Amino acid sequence: MIDRGDVVLVLFPNSNLSSAKTRPAPIVQADSLQTGLPQIIVAMITSQMFRAGHPSRVTILLNSSEGQHSGLLTDSVVMTDNLATITISAVYRVIGSLPTAEIDEALKHTLGL
C-alpha cells in the first residue's frame, strides 16, 4: 500500500510523452480518491537546485528532518508544477516520505486554489 506523502521511485514521463526517466516522486493525490483506476498522481523531484525558489516548488535539504526521512540522495526540489498521472505498476518501490503541508501550499499555488 502506498500513501499520500510517500516518496516512490517511478518511471516519470517527460513532457514530450515519448520518453521517461526513473526518478523519485512524492504521491500527491488523496488517499481516499478511489477512482477505480490503477493509477496515482505524483510530482516531479529534481536535484537541479537552480529550479528552487518558485512558490509552486518545495526545497528539500538532506540535512533537515524532512530530508532525512525522504529517501532522497541529494538536496532536491519538489516541483508541483510538473505533475504526472502514472499507473501503479510504474512504481518500483517506496523510498521514504515527506510531510505534505508545504507540498499542499505549493499545489494550491500551482492549481490556483
PDB file of N, CA and C in Angstrom:
ATOM      1  N   MET A   1       0.850  -1.195   0.000  1.00  0.00           N
ATOM      2  CA  MET A   1       0.000   0.000   0.000  1.00  0.00           C
ATOM      3  C   MET A   1       0.884   1.244   0.000  1.00  0.00           C
ATOM      4  N   ILE A   2       0.548   2.175  -0.851  1.00  0.00           N
ATOM      5  CA  ILE A   2       1.260   3.445  -0.888  1.00  0.00           C
ATOM      6  C   ILE A   2       0.301   4.554  -0.489  1.00  0.00           C
ATOM      7  N   ASP A   3       0.853   5.580   0.164  1.00  0.00           N
ATOM      8  CA  ASP A   3       0.029   6.637   0.728  1.00  0.00           C
ATOM      9  C   ASP A   3       0.501   8.006   0.278  1.00  0.00           C
ATOM     10  N   ARG A   4      -0.379   8.979   0.409  1.00  0.00           N
ATOM     11  CA  ARG A   4      -0.040  10.365   0.114  1.00  0.00           C
ATOM     12  C   ARG A   4       1.161  10.768   0.958  1.00  0.00           C
ATOM     13  N   GLY A   5       2.126  11.416   0.331  1.00  0.00           N
ATOM     14  CA  GLY A   5       3.340  11.830   1.022  1.00  0.00           C
ATOM     15  C   GLY A   5       4.472  10.842   0.885  1.00  0.00           C
ATOM     16  N   ASP A   6       4.169   9.594   0.506  1.00  0.00           N
ATOM     17  CA  ASP A   6       5.247   8.634   0.259  1.00  0.00           C
ATOM     18  C   ASP A   6       6.083   9.111  -0.925  1.00  0.00           C
ATOM     19  N   VAL A   7       7.388   8.939  -0.816  1.00  0.00           N
ATOM     20  CA  VAL A   7       8.272   9.199  -1.943  1.00  0.00           C
ATOM     21  C   VAL A   7       8.552   7.850  -2.593  1.00  0.00           C
ATOM     22  N   VAL A   8       8.187   7.759  -3.858  1.00  0.00           N
ATOM     23  CA  VAL A   8       8.328   6.494  -4.577  1.00  0.00           C
ATOM     24  C   VAL A   8       9.320   6.659  -5.718  1.00  0.00           C
ATOM     25  N   LEU A   9       9.958   5.579  -6.067  1.00  0.00           N
ATOM     26  CA  LEU A   9      10.818   5.554  -7.243  1.00  0.00           C
ATOM     27  C   LEU A   9       9.946   5.104  -8.400  1.00  0.00           C
ATOM     28  N   VAL A  10       9.821   5.966  -9.426  1.00  0.00           N
ATOM     29  CA  VAL A  10       8.884   5.703 -10.518  1.00  0.00           C
ATOM     30  C   VAL A  10       9.528   5.978 -11.879  1.00  0.00           C
ATOM     31  N   LEU A  11       8.883   5.454 -12.884  1.00  0.00           N
ATOM     32  CA  LEU A  11       9.206   5.814 -14.255  1.00  0.00           C
ATOM     33  C   LEU A  11       8.365   7.051 -14.567  1.00  0.00           C
ATOM     34  N   PHE A  12       8.988   8.239 -14.499  1.00  0.00           N
ATOM     35  CA  PHE A  12       8.281   9.517 -14.634  1.00  0.00           C
ATOM     36  C   PHE A  12       8.354   9.977 -16.084  1.00  0.00           C
ATOM     37  N   PRO A  13       7.200  10.236 -16.705  1.00  0.00           N
ATOM     38  CA  PRO A  13       7.201  10.618 -18.122  1.00  0.00           C
ATOM     39  C   PRO A  13       7.767  12.019 -18.341  1.00  0.00           C
ATOM     40  N   ASN A  14       8.525  12.195 -19.418  1.00  0.00           N
ATOM     41  CA  ASN A  14       8.967  13.527 -19.815  1.00  0.00           C
ATOM     42  C   ASN A  14       7.792  14.254 -20.458  1.00  0.00           C
ATOM     43  N   SER A  15       7.853  15.569 -20.514  1.00  0.00           N
ATOM     44  CA  SER A  15       6.721  16.347 -21.019  1.00  0.00           C
ATOM     45  C   SER A  15       6.391  16.045 -22.476  1.00  0.00           C
ATOM     46  N   ASN A  16       7.345  15.494 -23.229  1.00  0.00           N
ATOM     47  CA  ASN A  16       7.066  15.140 -24.627  1.00  0.00           C
ATOM     48  C   ASN A  16       6.274  13.833 -24.754  1.00  0.00           C
ATOM     49  N   LEU A  17       6.088  13.144 -23.630  1.00  0.00           N
ATOM     50  CA  LEU A  17       5.340  11.890 -23.535  1.00  0.00           C
ATOM     51  C   LEU A  17       5.901  10.757 -24.397  1.00  0.00           C
ATOM     52  N   SER A  18       7.076  10.965 -24.966  1.00  0.00           N
ATOM     53  CA  SER A  18       7.668   9.898 -25.764  1.00  0.00           C
ATOM     54  C   SER A  18       8.839   9.236 -25.061  1.00  0.00           C
ATOM     55  N   SER A  19       9.201   9.754 -23.880  1.00  0.00           N
ATOM     56  CA  SER A  19      10.276   9.143 -23.112  1.00  0.00           C
ATOM     57  C   SER A  19       9.983   9.338 -21.630  1.00  0.00           C
ATOM     58  N   ALA A  20      10.739   8.621 -20.809  1.00  0.00           N
ATOM     59  CA  ALA A  20      10.545   8.696 -19.363  1.00  0.00           C
ATOM     60  C   ALA A  20      11.878   8.433 -18.682  1.00  0.00           C
ATOM     61  N   LYS A  21      11.954   8.814 -17.415  1.00  0.00           N
ATOM     62  CA  LYS A  21      13.177   8.652 -16.641  1.00  0.00           C
ATOM     63  C   LYS A  21      12.811   8.136 -15.260  1.00  0.00           C
ATOM     64  N   THR A  22      13.600   7.215 -14.742  1.00  0.00           N
ATOM     65  CA  THR A  22      13.385   6.746 -13.379  1.00  0.00           C
ATOM     66  C   THR A  22      13.829   7.841 -12.423  1.00  0.00           C
ATOM     67  N   ARG A  23      12.913   8.245 -11.539  1.00  0.00           N
ATOM     68  CA  ARG A  23      13.221   9.304 -10.581  1.00  0.00           C
ATOM     69  C   ARG A  23      12.313   9.172  -9.364  1.00  0.00           C
ATOM     70  N   PRO A  24      12.701   9.796  -8.258  1.00  0.00           N
ATOM     71  CA  PRO A  24      11.811   9.813  -7.094  1.00  0.00           C
ATOM     72  C   PRO A  24      10.688  10.813  -7.320  1.00  0.00           C
ATOM     73  N   ALA A  25       9.530  10.533  -6.708  1.00  0.00           N
ATOM     74  CA  ALA A  25       8.377  11.424  -6.820  1.00  0.00           C
ATOM     75  C   ALA A  25       7.473  11.215  -5.618  1.00  0.00           C
ATOM     76  N   PRO A  26       6.984  12.302  -5.013  1.00  0.00           N
ATOM     77  CA  PRO A  26       6.021  12.139  -3.918  1.00  0.00           C
ATOM     78  C   PRO A  26       4.613  11.913  -4.469  1.00  0.00           C
ATOM     79  N   ILE A  27       3.858  11.084  -3.793  1.00  0.00           N
ATOM     80  CA  ILE A  27       2.453  10.883  -4.141  1.00  0.00           C
ATOM     81  C   ILE A  27       1.682  12.086  -3.610  1.00  0.00           C
ATOM     82  N   VAL A  28       0.920  12.756  -4.498  1.00  0.00           N
ATOM     83  CA  VAL A  28       0.209  13.964  -4.096  1.00  0.00           C
ATOM     84  C   VAL A  28      -1.306  13.814  -4.110  1.00  0.00           C
ATOM     85  N   GLN A  29      -1.820  12.706  -4.596  1.00  0.00           N
ATOM     86  CA  GLN A  29      -3.273  12.544  -4.612  1.00  0.00           C
ATOM     87  C   GLN A  29      -3.777  12.107  -3.242  1.00  0.00           C
ATOM     88  N   ALA A  30      -5.045  12.370  -2.986  1.00  0.00           N
ATOM     89  CA  ALA A  30      -5.671  11.980  -1.726  1.00  0.00           C
ATOM     90  C   ALA A  30      -5.700  10.461  -1.594  1.00  0.00           C
ATOM     91  N   ASP A  31      -5.472   9.969  -0.381  1.00  0.00           N
ATOM     92  CA  ASP A  31      -5.519   8.522  -0.133  1.00  0.00           C
ATOM     93  C   ASP A  31      -6.895   7.947  -0.457  1.00  0.00           C
ATOM     94  N   SER A  32      -7.941   8.732  -0.247  1.00  0.00           N
ATOM     95  CA  SER A  32      -9.306   8.232  -0.423  1.00  0.00           C
ATOM     96  C   SER A  32      -9.892   8.554  -1.797  1.00  0.00           C
ATOM     97  N   LEU A  33      -9.058   8.871  -2.783  1.00  0.00           N
ATOM     98  CA  LEU A  33      -9.555   9.267  -4.098  1.00  0.00           C
ATOM     99  C   LEU A  33     -10.395   8.169  -4.747  1.00  0.00           C
ATOM    100  N   GLN A  34      -9.936   6.938  -4.715  1.00  0.00           N
ATOM    101  CA  GLN A  34     -10.684   5.756  -5.170  1.00  0.00           C
ATOM    102  C   GLN A  34     -11.435   5.965  -6.477  1.00  0.00           C
ATOM    103  N   THR A  35     -10.686   6.205  -7.552  1.00  0.00           N
ATOM    104  CA  THR A  35     -11.304   6.394  -8.863  1.00  0.00           C
ATOM    105  C   THR A  35     -11.652   5.075  -9.542  1.00  0.00           C
ATOM    106  N   GLY A  36     -11.137   3.982  -9.018  1.00  0.00           N
ATOM    107  CA  GLY A  36     -11.342   2.692  -9.655  1.00  0.00           C
ATOM    108  C   GLY A  36     -10.314   2.403 -10.736  1.00  0.00           C
ATOM    109  N   LEU A  37      -9.407   3.359 -10.956  1.00  0.00           N
ATOM    110  CA  LEU A  37      -8.350   3.177 -11.950  1.00  0.00           C
ATOM    111  C   LEU A  37      -7.033   2.880 -11.241  1.00  0.00           C
ATOM    112  N   PRO A  38      -6.194   2.014 -11.812  1.00  0.00           N
ATOM    113  CA  PRO A  38      -4.922   1.654 -11.163  1.00  0.00           C
ATOM    114  C   PRO A  38      -3.836   2.696 -11.439  1.00  0.00           C
ATOM    115  N   GLN A  39      -4.071   3.912 -10.964  1.00  0.00           N
ATOM    116  CA  GLN A  39      -3.131   4.993 -11.226  1.00  0.00           C
ATOM    117  C   GLN A  39      -3.019   5.917 -10.026  1.00  0.00           C
ATOM    118  N   ILE A  40      -1.928   6.698  -9.998  1.00  0.00           N
ATOM    119  CA  ILE A  40      -1.703   7.666  -8.930  1.00  0.00           C
ATOM    120  C   ILE A  40      -1.147   8.952  -9.539  1.00  0.00           C
ATOM    121  N   ILE A  41      -1.322  10.044  -8.804  1.00  0.00           N
ATOM    122  CA  ILE A  41      -0.796  11.335  -9.225  1.00  0.00           C
ATOM    123  C   ILE A  41       0.444  11.637  -8.388  1.00  0.00           C
ATOM    124  N   VAL A  42       1.537  11.957  -9.082  1.00  0.00           N
ATOM    125  CA  VAL A  42       2.813  12.242  -8.425  1.00  0.00           C
ATOM    126  C   VAL A  42       3.364  13.570  -8.935  1.00  0.00           C
ATOM    127  N   ALA A  43       4.303  14.140  -8.172  1.00  0.00           N
ATOM    128  CA  ALA A  43       5.002  15.359  -8.575  1.00  0.00           C
ATOM    129  C   ALA A  43       6.455  15.010  -8.871  1.00  0.00           C
ATOM    130  N   MET A  44       7.039  15.745  -9.789  1.00  0.00           N
ATOM    131  CA  MET A  44       8.437  15.512 -10.128  1.00  0.00           C
ATOM    132  C   MET A  44       9.352  16.023  -9.014  1.00  0.00           C
ATOM    133  N   ILE A  45      10.447  15.317  -8.795  1.00  0.00           N
ATOM    134  CA  ILE A  45      11.519  15.792  -7.925  1.00  0.00           C
ATOM    135  C   ILE A  45      12.767  15.907  -8.781  1.00  0.00           C
ATOM    136  N   THR A  46      13.464  17.037  -8.630  1.00  0.00           N
ATOM    137  CA  THR A  46      14.720  17.234  -9.349  1.00  0.00           C
ATOM    138  C   THR A  46      15.831  17.573  -8.369  1.00  0.00           C
ATOM    139  N   SER A  47      17.046  17.234  -8.724  1.00  0.00           N
ATOM    140  CA  SER A  47      18.209  17.625  -7.919  1.00  0.00           C
ATOM    141  C   SER A  47      18.810  18.929  -8.449  1.00  0.00           C
ATOM    142  N   GLN A  48      18.202  19.494  -9.473  1.00  0.00           N
ATOM    143  CA  GLN A  48      18.669  20.759 -10.056  1.00  0.00           C
ATOM    144  C   GLN A  48      18.192  21.913  -9.164  1.00  0.00           C
ATOM    145  N   MET A  49      19.032  22.299  -8.196  1.00  0.00           N
ATOM    146  CA  MET A  49      18.633  23.259  -7.173  1.00  0.00           C
ATOM    147  C   MET A  49      18.344  24.654  -7.732  1.00  0.00           C
ATOM    148  N   PHE A  50      18.829  24.968  -8.923  1.00  0.00           N
ATOM    149  CA  PHE A  50      18.517  26.275  -9.503  1.00  0.00           C
ATOM    150  C   PHE A  50      17.024  26.403  -9.799  1.00  0.00           C
ATOM    151  N   ARG A  51      16.291  25.293  -9.767  1.00  0.00           N
ATOM    152  CA  ARG A  51      14.845  25.319 -10.006  1.00  0.00           C
ATOM    153  C   ARG A  51      14.053  25.711  -8.748  1.00  0.00           C
ATOM    154  N   ALA A  52      14.729  25.823  -7.608  1.00  0.00           N
ATOM    155  CA  ALA A  52      14.068  26.191  -6.342  1.00  0.00           C
ATOM    156  C   ALA A  52      13.674  27.664  -6.359  1.00  0.00           C
ATOM    157  N   GLY A  53      12.859  28.055  -5.400  1.00  0.00           N
ATOM    158  CA  GLY A  53      12.549  29.460  -5.200  1.00  0.00           C
ATOM    159  C   GLY A  53      11.231  29.917  -5.799  1.00  0.00           C
ATOM    160  N   HIS A  54      10.523  29.069  -6.494  1.00  0.00           N
ATOM    161  CA  HIS A  54       9.213  29.414  -7.046  1.00  0.00           C
ATOM    162  C   HIS A  54       8.147  28.948  -6.061  1.00  0.00           C
ATOM    163  N   PRO A  55       7.034  29.674  -5.910  1.00  0.00           N
ATOM    164  CA  PRO A  55       6.008  29.267  -4.944  1.00  0.00           C
ATOM    165  C   PRO A  55       5.387  27.892  -5.217  1.00  0.00           C
ATOM    166  N   SER A  56       5.532  27.378  -6.425  1.00  0.00           N
ATOM    167  CA  SER A  56       4.979  26.057  -6.738  1.00  0.00           C
ATOM    168  C   SER A  56       5.976  24.940  -6.439  1.00  0.00           C
ATOM    169  N   ARG A  57       7.109  25.295  -5.836  1.00  0.00           N
ATOM    170  CA  ARG A  57       8.172  24.310  -5.600  1.00  0.00           C
ATOM    171  C   ARG A  57       8.596  24.292  -4.137  1.00  0.00           C
ATOM    172  N   VAL A  58       8.976  23.096  -3.670  1.00  0.00           N
ATOM    173  CA  VAL A  58       9.369  22.907  -2.273  1.00  0.00           C
ATOM    174  C   VAL A  58      10.790  22.371  -2.238  1.00  0.00           C
ATOM    175  N   THR A  59      11.656  23.078  -1.522  1.00  0.00           N
ATOM    176  CA  THR A  59      13.051  22.654  -1.387  1.00  0.00           C
ATOM    177  C   THR A  59      13.176  21.633  -0.265  1.00  0.00           C
ATOM    178  N   ILE A  60      13.866  20.541  -0.555  1.00  0.00           N
ATOM    179  CA  ILE A  60      14.124  19.504   0.442  1.00  0.00           C
ATOM    180  C   ILE A  60      15.635  19.419   0.632  1.00  0.00           C
ATOM    181  N   LEU A  61      16.103  19.777   1.820  1.00  0.00           N
ATOM    182  CA  LEU A  61      17.532  19.712   2.127  1.00  0.00           C
ATOM    183  C   LEU A  61      17.814  18.450   2.937  1.00  0.00           C
ATOM    184  N   LEU A  62      18.842  17.718   2.537  1.00  0.00           N
ATOM    185  CA  LEU A  62      19.148  16.445   3.209  1.00  0.00           C
ATOM    186  C   LEU A  62      19.465  16.615   4.681  1.00  0.00           C
ATOM    187  N   ASN A  63      20.004  17.775   5.082  1.00  0.00           N
ATOM    188  CA  ASN A  63      20.361  17.955   6.490  1.00  0.00           C
ATOM    189  C   ASN A  63      19.165  18.358   7.352  1.00  0.00           C
ATOM    190  N   SER A  64      17.964  18.423   6.761  1.00  0.00           N
ATOM    191  CA  SER A  64      16.747  18.718   7.526  1.00  0.00           C
ATOM    192  C   SER A  64      16.072  17.414   7.937  1.00  0.00           C
ATOM    193  N   SER A  65      15.142  17.518   8.871  1.00  0.00           N
ATOM    194  CA  SER A  65      14.380  16.341   9.294  1.00  0.00           C
ATOM    195  C   SER A  65      13.622  15.749   8.113  1.00  0.00           C
ATOM    196  N   GLU A  66      12.996  16.621   7.306  1.00  0.00           N
ATOM    197  CA  GLU A  66      12.254  16.153   6.131  1.00  0.00           C
ATOM    198  C   GLU A  66      13.180  15.416   5.167  1.00  0.00           C
ATOM    199  N   GLY A  67      14.340  16.003   4.945  1.00  0.00           N
ATOM    200  CA  GLY A  67      15.310  15.402   4.028  1.00  0.00           C
ATOM    201  C   GLY A  67      15.791  14.039   4.487  1.00  0.00           C
ATOM    202  N   GLN A  68      15.956  13.890   5.793  1.00  0.00           N
ATOM    203  CA  GLN A  68      16.444  12.626   6.330  1.00  0.00           C
ATOM    204  C   GLN A  68      15.418  11.506   6.201  1.00  0.00           C
ATOM    205  N   HIS A  69      14.137  11.847   6.125  1.00  0.00           N
ATOM    206  CA  HIS A  69      13.092  10.832   6.000  1.00  0.00           C
ATOM    207  C   HIS A  69      12.618  10.631   4.565  1.00  0.00           C
ATOM    208  N   SER A  70      13.157  11.443   3.651  1.00  0.00           N
ATOM    209  CA  SER A  70      12.668  11.443   2.274  1.00  0.00           C
ATOM    210  C   SER A  70      13.159  10.270   1.435  1.00  0.00           C
ATOM    211  N   GLY A  71      14.304   9.690   1.809  1.00  0.00           N
ATOM    212  CA  GLY A  71      14.898   8.651   0.980  1.00  0.00           C
ATOM    213  C   GLY A  71      15.698   9.208  -0.181  1.00  0.00           C
ATOM    214  N   LEU A  72      15.750  10.538  -0.291  1.00  0.00           N
ATOM    215  CA  LEU A  72      16.492  11.173  -1.377  1.00  0.00           C
ATOM    216  C   LEU A  72      17.986  11.116  -1.105  1.00  0.00           C
ATOM    217  N   LEU A  73      18.785  11.175  -2.161  1.00  0.00           N
ATOM    218  CA  LEU A  73      20.234  11.066  -2.036  1.00  0.00           C
ATOM    219  C   LEU A  73      20.939  12.409  -2.083  1.00  0.00           C
ATOM    220  N   THR A  74      20.209  13.462  -2.439  1.00  0.00           N
ATOM    221  CA  THR A  74      20.795  14.789  -2.556  1.00  0.00           C
ATOM    222  C   THR A  74      19.734  15.850  -2.290  1.00  0.00           C
ATOM    223  N   ASP A  75      20.173  17.073  -1.994  1.00  0.00           N
ATOM    224  CA  ASP A  75      19.234  18.176  -1.876  1.00  0.00           C
ATOM    225  C   ASP A  75      18.396  18.211  -3.149  1.00  0.00           C
ATOM    226  N   SER A  76      17.112  18.469  -3.003  1.00  0.00           N
ATOM    227  CA  SER A  76      16.212  18.341  -4.146  1.00  0.00           C
ATOM    228  C   SER A  76      15.091  19.365  -4.087  1.00  0.00           C
ATOM    229  N   VAL A  77      14.336  19.448  -5.181  1.00  0.00           N
ATOM    230  CA  VAL A  77      13.200  20.343  -5.291  1.00  0.00           C
ATOM    231  C   VAL A  77      11.992  19.536  -5.760  1.00  0.00           C
ATOM    232  N   VAL A  78      10.897  19.607  -4.985  1.00  0.00           N
ATOM    233  CA  VAL A  78       9.625  19.018  -5.403  1.00  0.00           C
ATOM    234  C   VAL A  78       8.950  20.054  -6.288  1.00  0.00           C
ATOM    235  N   MET A  79       8.618  19.660  -7.503  1.00  0.00           N
ATOM    236  CA  MET A  79       8.040  20.581  -8.481  1.00  0.00           C
ATOM    237  C   MET A  79       6.560  20.259  -8.687  1.00  0.00           C
ATOM    238  N   THR A  80       5.700  20.943  -7.911  1.00  0.00           N
ATOM    239  CA  THR A  80       4.265  20.669  -8.050  1.00  0.00           C
ATOM    240  C   THR A  80       3.701  21.244  -9.343  1.00  0.00           C
ATOM    241  N   ASP A  81       4.512  22.003 -10.071  1.00  0.00           N
ATOM    242  CA  ASP A  81       4.097  22.481 -11.385  1.00  0.00           C
ATOM    243  C   ASP A  81       4.439  21.467 -12.477  1.00  0.00           C
ATOM    244  N   ASN A  82       4.907  20.295 -12.073  1.00  0.00           N
ATOM    245  CA  ASN A  82       5.178  19.205 -13.013  1.00  0.00           C
ATOM    246  C   ASN A  82       4.608  17.924 -12.408  1.00  0.00           C
ATOM    247  N   LEU A  83       3.313  17.707 -12.650  1.00  0.00           N
ATOM    248  CA  LEU A  83       2.596  16.549 -12.122  1.00  0.00           C
ATOM    249  C   LEU A  83       2.422  15.510 -13.217  1.00  0.00           C
ATOM    250  N   ALA A  84       2.286  14.264 -12.805  1.00  0.00           N
ATOM    251  CA  ALA A  84       2.014  13.191 -13.764  1.00  0.00           C
ATOM    252  C   ALA A  84       1.057  12.195 -13.130  1.00  0.00           C
ATOM    253  N   THR A  85       0.188  11.655 -13.952  1.00  0.00           N
ATOM    254  CA  THR A  85      -0.656  10.536 -13.552  1.00  0.00           C
ATOM    255  C   THR A  85      -0.024   9.298 -14.156  1.00  0.00           C
ATOM    256  N   ILE A  86       0.356   8.374 -13.294  1.00  0.00           N
ATOM    257  CA  ILE A  86       1.064   7.177 -13.753  1.00  0.00           C
ATOM    258  C   ILE A  86       0.335   5.926 -13.263  1.00  0.00           C
ATOM    259  N   THR A  87       0.561   4.828 -13.943  1.00  0.00           N
ATOM    260  CA  THR A  87      -0.018   3.568 -13.483  1.00  0.00           C
ATOM    261  C   THR A  87       0.731   3.111 -12.242  1.00  0.00           C
ATOM    262  N   ILE A  88       0.024   2.447 -11.363  1.00  0.00           N
ATOM    263  CA  ILE A  88       0.653   1.943 -10.139  1.00  0.00           C
ATOM    264  C   ILE A  88       1.792   0.990 -10.478  1.00  0.00           C
ATOM    265  N   SER A  89       1.691   0.299 -11.601  1.00  0.00           N
ATOM    266  CA  SER A  89       2.756  -0.629 -11.995  1.00  0.00           C
ATOM    267  C   SER A  89       4.052   0.099 -12.348  1.00  0.00           C
ATOM    268  N   ALA A  90       4.010   1.435 -12.541  1.00  0.00           N
ATOM    269  CA  ALA A  90       5.218   2.214 -12.824  1.00  0.00           C
ATOM    270  C   ALA A  90       6.003   2.542 -11.550  1.00  0.00           C
ATOM    271  N   VAL A  91       5.440   2.199 -10.390  1.00  0.00           N
ATOM    272  CA  VAL A  91       6.116   2.426  -9.109  1.00  0.00           C
ATOM    273  C   VAL A  91       7.020   1.240  -8.817  1.00  0.00           C
ATOM    274  N   TYR A  92       8.314   1.536  -8.669  1.00  0.00           N
ATOM    275  CA  TYR A  92       9.263   0.473  -8.341  1.00  0.00           C
ATOM    276  C   TYR A  92       9.229   0.136  -6.857  1.00  0.00           C
ATOM    277  N   ARG A  93       9.276   1.194  -6.007  1.00  0.00           N
ATOM    278  CA  ARG A  93       9.237   0.966  -4.565  1.00  0.00           C
ATOM    279  C   ARG A  93       9.112   2.299  -3.829  1.00  0.00           C
ATOM    280  N   VAL A  94       8.708   2.222  -2.566  1.00  0.00           N
ATOM    281  CA  VAL A  94       8.678   3.393  -1.691  1.00  0.00           C
ATOM    282  C   VAL A  94      10.080   3.565  -1.118  1.00  0.00           C
ATOM    283  N   ILE A  95      10.625   4.796  -1.199  1.00  0.00           N
ATOM    284  CA  ILE A  95      11.971   5.037  -0.668  1.00  0.00           C
ATOM    285  C   ILE A  95      11.971   5.919   0.570  1.00  0.00           C
ATOM    286  N   GLY A  96      10.847   6.576   0.861  1.00  0.00           N
ATOM    287  CA  GLY A  96      10.784   7.451   2.022  1.00  0.00           C
ATOM    288  C   GLY A  96       9.441   8.145   2.068  1.00  0.00           C
ATOM    289  N   SER A  97       9.396   9.257   2.799  1.00  0.00           N
ATOM    290  CA  SER A  97       8.157  10.035   2.873  1.00  0.00           C
ATOM    291  C   SER A  97       8.490  11.495   3.136  1.00  0.00           C
ATOM    292  N   LEU A  98       7.542  12.354   2.783  1.00  0.00           N
ATOM    293  CA  LEU A  98       7.658  13.791   3.024  1.00  0.00           C
ATOM    294  C   LEU A  98       6.378  14.278   3.681  1.00  0.00           C
ATOM    295  N   PRO A  99       6.487  15.252   4.593  1.00  0.00           N
ATOM    296  CA  PRO A  99       5.266  15.855   5.130  1.00  0.00           C
ATOM    297  C   PRO A  99       4.562  16.612   4.010  1.00  0.00           C
ATOM    298  N   THR A 100       3.255  16.680   4.062  1.00  0.00           N
ATOM    299  CA  THR A 100       2.511  17.225   2.931  1.00  0.00           C
ATOM    300  C   THR A 100       2.114  18.694   3.078  1.00  0.00           C
ATOM    301  N   ALA A 101       2.326  19.330   4.226  1.00  0.00           N
ATOM    302  CA  ALA A 101       1.856  20.711   4.421  1.00  0.00           C
ATOM    303  C   ALA A 101       2.467  21.678   3.408  1.00  0.00           C
ATOM    304  N   GLU A 102       3.783  21.665   3.245  1.00  0.00           N
ATOM    305  CA  GLU A 102       4.425  22.567   2.281  1.00  0.00           C
ATOM    306  C   GLU A 102       4.055  22.203   0.848  1.00  0.00           C
ATOM    307  N   ILE A 103       3.955  20.905   0.582  1.00  0.00           N
ATOM    308  CA  ILE A 103       3.566  20.455  -0.753  1.00  0.00           C
ATOM    309  C   ILE A 103       2.137  20.904  -1.050  1.00  0.00           C
ATOM    310  N   ASP A 104       1.254  20.850  -0.050  1.00  0.00           N
ATOM    311  CA  ASP A 104      -0.116  21.317  -0.229  1.00  0.00           C
ATOM    312  C   ASP A 104      -0.146  22.801  -0.610  1.00  0.00           C
ATOM    313  N   GLU A 105       0.664  23.615   0.060  1.00  0.00           N
ATOM    314  CA  GLU A 105       0.712  25.054  -0.250  1.00  0.00           C
ATOM    315  C   GLU A 105       1.222  25.279  -1.673  1.00  0.00           C
ATOM    316  N   ALA A 106       2.229  24.513  -2.066  1.00  0.00           N
ATOM    317  CA  ALA A 106       2.767  24.637  -3.423  1.00  0.00           C
ATOM    318  C   ALA A 106       1.723  24.197  -4.455  1.00  0.00           C
ATOM    319  N   LEU A 107       0.991  23.125  -4.158  1.00  0.00           N
ATOM    320  CA  LEU A 107      -0.072  22.662  -5.059  1.00  0.00           C
ATOM    321  C   LEU A 107      -1.173  23.717  -5.194  1.00  0.00           C
ATOM    322  N   LYS A 108      -1.517  24.375  -4.094  1.00  0.00           N
ATOM    323  CA  LYS A 108      -2.525  25.433  -4.148  1.00  0.00           C
ATOM    324  C   LYS A 108      -2.088  26.530  -5.106  1.00  0.00           C
ATOM    325  N   HIS A 109      -0.810  26.886  -5.061  1.00  0.00           N
ATOM    326  CA  HIS A 109      -0.303  27.909  -5.971  1.00  0.00           C
ATOM    327  C   HIS A 109      -0.358  27.410  -7.419  1.00  0.00           C
ATOM    328  N   THR A 110       0.093  26.193  -7.634  1.00  0.00           N
ATOM    329  CA  THR A 110       0.108  25.607  -8.982  1.00  0.00           C
ATOM    330  C   THR A 110      -1.295  25.575  -9.580  1.00  0.00           C
ATOM    331  N   LEU A 111      -2.273  25.185  -8.774  1.00  0.00           N
ATOM    332  CA  LEU A 111      -3.635  24.976  -9.271  1.00  0.00           C
ATOM    333  C   LEU A 111      -4.543  26.195  -9.105  1.00  0.00           C
ATOM    334  N   GLY A 112      -4.010  27.254  -8.495  1.00  0.00           N
ATOM    335  CA  GLY A 112      -4.806  28.463  -8.310  1.00  0.00           C
ATOM    336  C   GLY A 112      -5.948  28.290  -7.334  1.00  0.00           C
ATOM    337  N   LEU A 113      -5.738  27.512  -6.294  1.00  0.00           N
ATOM    338  CA  LEU A 113      -6.802  27.253  -5.308  1.00  0.00           C
ATOM    339  C   LEU A 113      -6.700  28.184  -4.108  1.00  0.00           C
TER     340      LEU A 113
END
